[in-house]
């Protein structure tokens, strides 16, 4: 599932960056967009990523929502 998510994010990333670049570089915009919060279902166990805890569960619940405005950093995984 994480592989599918990463492929989806990669397929959209350049368009997102190209759309936001004029806003980020324009000084008239005082509030800049932040990096998006990307969903990942992996959980690390003994240095191995395990997504079975979620994909194999009888009941799956996902709650998400986060204000990312103001996060700083590089997009190493998707840039």
N, C-alpha and C. Protein backbone atom coordinates (compact mmCIF):
# COMPACT_ATOMS: atom_id res chain seq x y z
N UNK A 1 0.82 -1.19 0.00
CA UNK A 1 0.00 0.00 0.00
C UNK A 1 0.87 1.26 0.00
N UNK A 2 1.95 1.27 0.79
CA UNK A 2 2.83 2.43 0.80
C UNK A 2 3.47 2.67 -0.56
N UNK A 3 3.80 1.58 -1.26
CA UNK A 3 4.37 1.72 -2.60
C UNK A 3 3.38 2.43 -3.52
N UNK A 4 2.11 2.05 -3.44
CA UNK A 4 1.07 2.70 -4.24
C UNK A 4 0.92 4.17 -3.88
N UNK A 5 0.96 4.47 -2.59
CA UNK A 5 0.87 5.86 -2.16
C UNK A 5 2.05 6.67 -2.68
N UNK A 6 3.25 6.12 -2.58
CA UNK A 6 4.44 6.84 -3.05
C UNK A 6 4.37 7.08 -4.55
N UNK A 7 3.90 6.09 -5.31
CA UNK A 7 3.75 6.27 -6.76
C UNK A 7 2.73 7.37 -7.06
N UNK A 8 1.64 7.40 -6.31
CA UNK A 8 0.64 8.45 -6.50
C UNK A 8 1.24 9.83 -6.20
N UNK A 9 1.93 9.94 -5.06
CA UNK A 9 2.55 11.22 -4.71
C UNK A 9 3.57 11.64 -5.75
N UNK A 10 4.40 10.71 -6.21
CA UNK A 10 5.41 11.03 -7.23
C UNK A 10 4.77 11.49 -8.53
N UNK A 11 3.63 10.91 -8.89
CA UNK A 11 2.97 11.29 -10.14
C UNK A 11 2.40 12.71 -10.09
N UNK A 12 2.16 13.22 -8.90
CA UNK A 12 1.56 14.56 -8.73
C UNK A 12 2.55 15.61 -8.26
N UNK A 13 3.73 15.19 -7.77
CA UNK A 13 4.64 16.09 -7.08
C UNK A 13 5.13 17.24 -7.95
N UNK A 14 5.57 16.97 -9.19
CA UNK A 14 6.09 18.04 -10.05
C UNK A 14 5.03 19.07 -10.36
N UNK A 15 3.80 18.62 -10.63
CA UNK A 15 2.71 19.57 -10.89
C UNK A 15 2.45 20.44 -9.67
N UNK A 16 2.47 19.83 -8.50
CA UNK A 16 2.27 20.60 -7.26
C UNK A 16 3.37 21.64 -7.10
N UNK A 17 4.61 21.22 -7.26
CA UNK A 17 5.74 22.15 -7.10
C UNK A 17 5.68 23.28 -8.12
N UNK A 18 5.37 22.95 -9.37
CA UNK A 18 5.30 23.98 -10.41
C UNK A 18 4.15 24.96 -10.16
N UNK A 19 3.06 24.47 -9.60
CA UNK A 19 1.93 25.34 -9.29
C UNK A 19 2.24 26.27 -8.13
N UNK A 20 2.94 25.76 -7.13
CA UNK A 20 3.22 26.55 -5.92
C UNK A 20 4.45 27.44 -6.05
N UNK A 21 5.34 27.14 -6.98
CA UNK A 21 6.59 27.90 -7.09
C UNK A 21 6.38 29.40 -7.25
N UNK A 22 5.47 29.86 -8.13
CA UNK A 22 5.27 31.31 -8.24
C UNK A 22 4.81 31.96 -6.93
N UNK A 23 4.02 31.25 -6.15
CA UNK A 23 3.54 31.78 -4.87
C UNK A 23 4.69 31.84 -3.87
N UNK A 24 5.48 30.78 -3.82
CA UNK A 24 6.59 30.71 -2.87
C UNK A 24 7.63 31.79 -3.17
N UNK A 25 7.87 32.06 -4.45
CA UNK A 25 8.90 33.02 -4.84
C UNK A 25 8.42 34.47 -4.85
N UNK A 26 7.12 34.70 -4.80
CA UNK A 26 6.57 36.05 -4.86
C UNK A 26 6.50 36.64 -3.45
N UNK A 27 7.19 37.73 -3.23
CA UNK A 27 7.26 38.34 -1.90
C UNK A 27 5.95 38.99 -1.47
N UNK A 28 5.02 39.20 -2.39
CA UNK A 28 3.74 39.81 -1.99
C UNK A 28 2.90 38.86 -1.14
N UNK A 29 3.17 37.57 -1.24
CA UNK A 29 2.46 36.59 -0.42
C UNK A 29 3.22 36.41 0.88
N UNK A 30 2.67 36.89 1.96
CA UNK A 30 3.35 36.83 3.27
C UNK A 30 3.24 35.44 3.88
N UNK A 31 2.13 34.77 3.64
CA UNK A 31 1.94 33.41 4.15
C UNK A 31 2.16 32.45 2.99
N UNK A 32 3.14 31.59 3.15
CA UNK A 32 3.51 30.65 2.09
C UNK A 32 2.89 29.28 2.36
N UNK A 33 2.61 28.53 1.29
CA UNK A 33 2.12 27.17 1.50
C UNK A 33 3.19 26.30 2.13
N UNK A 34 2.78 25.34 2.92
CA UNK A 34 3.70 24.42 3.58
C UNK A 34 3.68 23.08 2.84
N UNK A 35 4.64 22.24 3.17
CA UNK A 35 4.66 20.91 2.59
C UNK A 35 3.39 20.17 2.98
N UNK A 36 2.84 19.38 2.06
CA UNK A 36 1.63 18.63 2.41
C UNK A 36 1.93 17.51 3.39
N UNK A 37 0.93 17.14 4.14
CA UNK A 37 1.03 16.00 5.04
C UNK A 37 0.69 14.76 4.23
N UNK A 38 1.67 13.89 4.01
CA UNK A 38 1.49 12.71 3.18
C UNK A 38 1.21 11.50 4.06
N UNK A 39 0.26 10.70 3.63
CA UNK A 39 -0.15 9.53 4.40
C UNK A 39 0.83 8.38 4.16
N UNK A 40 1.17 7.69 5.22
CA UNK A 40 2.05 6.52 5.18
C UNK A 40 1.53 5.55 6.24
N UNK A 41 1.32 4.30 5.86
CA UNK A 41 0.77 3.36 6.84
C UNK A 41 1.83 2.46 7.44
N UNK A 42 3.07 2.67 7.09
CA UNK A 42 4.13 1.80 7.59
C UNK A 42 4.44 2.03 9.05
N UNK A 43 4.87 0.98 9.69
CA UNK A 43 5.32 1.04 11.07
C UNK A 43 6.62 0.25 11.13
N UNK A 44 7.64 0.83 11.72
CA UNK A 44 8.95 0.19 11.76
C UNK A 44 9.04 -0.76 12.94
N UNK A 45 9.44 -2.00 12.66
CA UNK A 45 9.62 -3.03 13.68
C UNK A 45 10.94 -3.75 13.40
N UNK A 46 11.89 -3.63 14.30
CA UNK A 46 13.21 -4.27 14.13
C UNK A 46 13.87 -3.86 12.81
N UNK A 47 13.84 -2.57 12.51
CA UNK A 47 14.44 -1.99 11.31
C UNK A 47 13.80 -2.48 10.01
N UNK A 48 12.59 -3.01 10.07
CA UNK A 48 11.86 -3.43 8.88
C UNK A 48 10.51 -2.73 8.90
N UNK A 49 10.15 -2.14 7.74
CA UNK A 49 8.86 -1.46 7.68
C UNK A 49 7.75 -2.49 7.50
N UNK A 50 6.74 -2.42 8.36
CA UNK A 50 5.63 -3.37 8.35
C UNK A 50 4.34 -2.60 8.12
N UNK A 51 3.64 -2.92 7.04
CA UNK A 51 2.33 -2.30 6.84
C UNK A 51 1.20 -3.31 7.04
N UNK A 52 1.56 -4.54 7.36
CA UNK A 52 0.56 -5.57 7.61
C UNK A 52 -0.32 -5.29 8.81
N UNK A 53 0.23 -4.59 9.79
CA UNK A 53 -0.57 -4.25 10.98
C UNK A 53 -1.84 -3.52 10.58
N UNK A 54 -1.79 -2.77 9.46
CA UNK A 54 -2.96 -2.03 8.99
C UNK A 54 -3.71 -2.81 7.91
N UNK A 55 -2.99 -3.26 6.89
CA UNK A 55 -3.66 -3.90 5.75
C UNK A 55 -4.29 -5.24 6.12
N UNK A 56 -3.77 -5.92 7.12
CA UNK A 56 -4.33 -7.21 7.54
C UNK A 56 -5.34 -7.11 8.68
N UNK A 57 -5.60 -5.92 9.14
CA UNK A 57 -6.52 -5.74 10.27
C UNK A 57 -7.97 -6.02 9.86
N UNK A 58 -8.74 -6.57 10.77
CA UNK A 58 -10.16 -6.81 10.52
C UNK A 58 -10.94 -5.51 10.38
N UNK A 59 -10.59 -4.55 11.20
CA UNK A 59 -11.23 -3.23 11.15
C UNK A 59 -10.13 -2.20 10.95
N UNK A 60 -10.30 -1.36 9.95
CA UNK A 60 -9.30 -0.33 9.67
C UNK A 60 -9.92 1.05 9.88
N UNK A 61 -9.27 1.85 10.67
CA UNK A 61 -9.71 3.22 10.91
C UNK A 61 -8.53 4.12 10.65
N UNK A 62 -8.75 5.17 9.87
CA UNK A 62 -7.70 6.14 9.63
C UNK A 62 -8.26 7.52 9.94
N UNK A 63 -7.60 8.20 10.83
CA UNK A 63 -7.99 9.56 11.20
C UNK A 63 -6.84 10.46 10.80
N UNK A 64 -7.12 11.47 10.03
CA UNK A 64 -6.05 12.37 9.64
C UNK A 64 -6.56 13.79 9.55
N UNK A 65 -5.65 14.69 9.69
CA UNK A 65 -5.92 16.11 9.63
C UNK A 65 -4.84 16.82 10.41
N UNK A 66 -4.14 17.70 9.75
CA UNK A 66 -3.00 18.34 10.40
C UNK A 66 -2.76 19.69 9.74
N UNK A 67 -2.49 20.66 10.52
CA UNK A 67 -2.10 21.98 10.03
C UNK A 67 -0.59 21.97 9.86
N UNK A 68 -0.13 22.05 8.63
CA UNK A 68 1.31 22.01 8.38
C UNK A 68 1.90 23.38 8.10
N UNK A 69 1.09 24.42 8.12
CA UNK A 69 1.61 25.74 7.79
C UNK A 69 2.75 26.10 8.73
N UNK A 70 3.88 26.43 8.15
CA UNK A 70 5.03 26.82 8.94
C UNK A 70 6.08 25.74 9.06
N UNK A 71 5.80 24.51 8.61
CA UNK A 71 6.84 23.49 8.64
C UNK A 71 7.93 23.89 7.67
N UNK A 72 9.14 23.66 8.05
CA UNK A 72 10.28 23.99 7.20
C UNK A 72 11.07 22.72 6.92
N UNK A 73 11.78 22.69 5.79
CA UNK A 73 12.64 21.55 5.51
C UNK A 73 12.63 21.18 4.04
N UNK A 74 13.40 20.17 3.73
CA UNK A 74 13.50 19.67 2.37
C UNK A 74 12.58 18.48 2.18
N UNK A 75 12.15 18.29 0.96
CA UNK A 75 11.30 17.14 0.63
C UNK A 75 12.19 16.02 0.11
N UNK A 76 13.00 15.44 0.97
CA UNK A 76 13.98 14.44 0.56
C UNK A 76 13.35 13.24 -0.13
N UNK A 77 12.24 12.74 0.38
CA UNK A 77 11.66 11.52 -0.15
C UNK A 77 10.96 11.72 -1.49
N UNK A 78 10.44 12.90 -1.73
CA UNK A 78 9.61 13.10 -2.91
C UNK A 78 10.13 14.19 -3.85
N UNK A 79 11.24 14.82 -3.51
CA UNK A 79 11.73 15.94 -4.32
C UNK A 79 12.57 15.55 -5.48
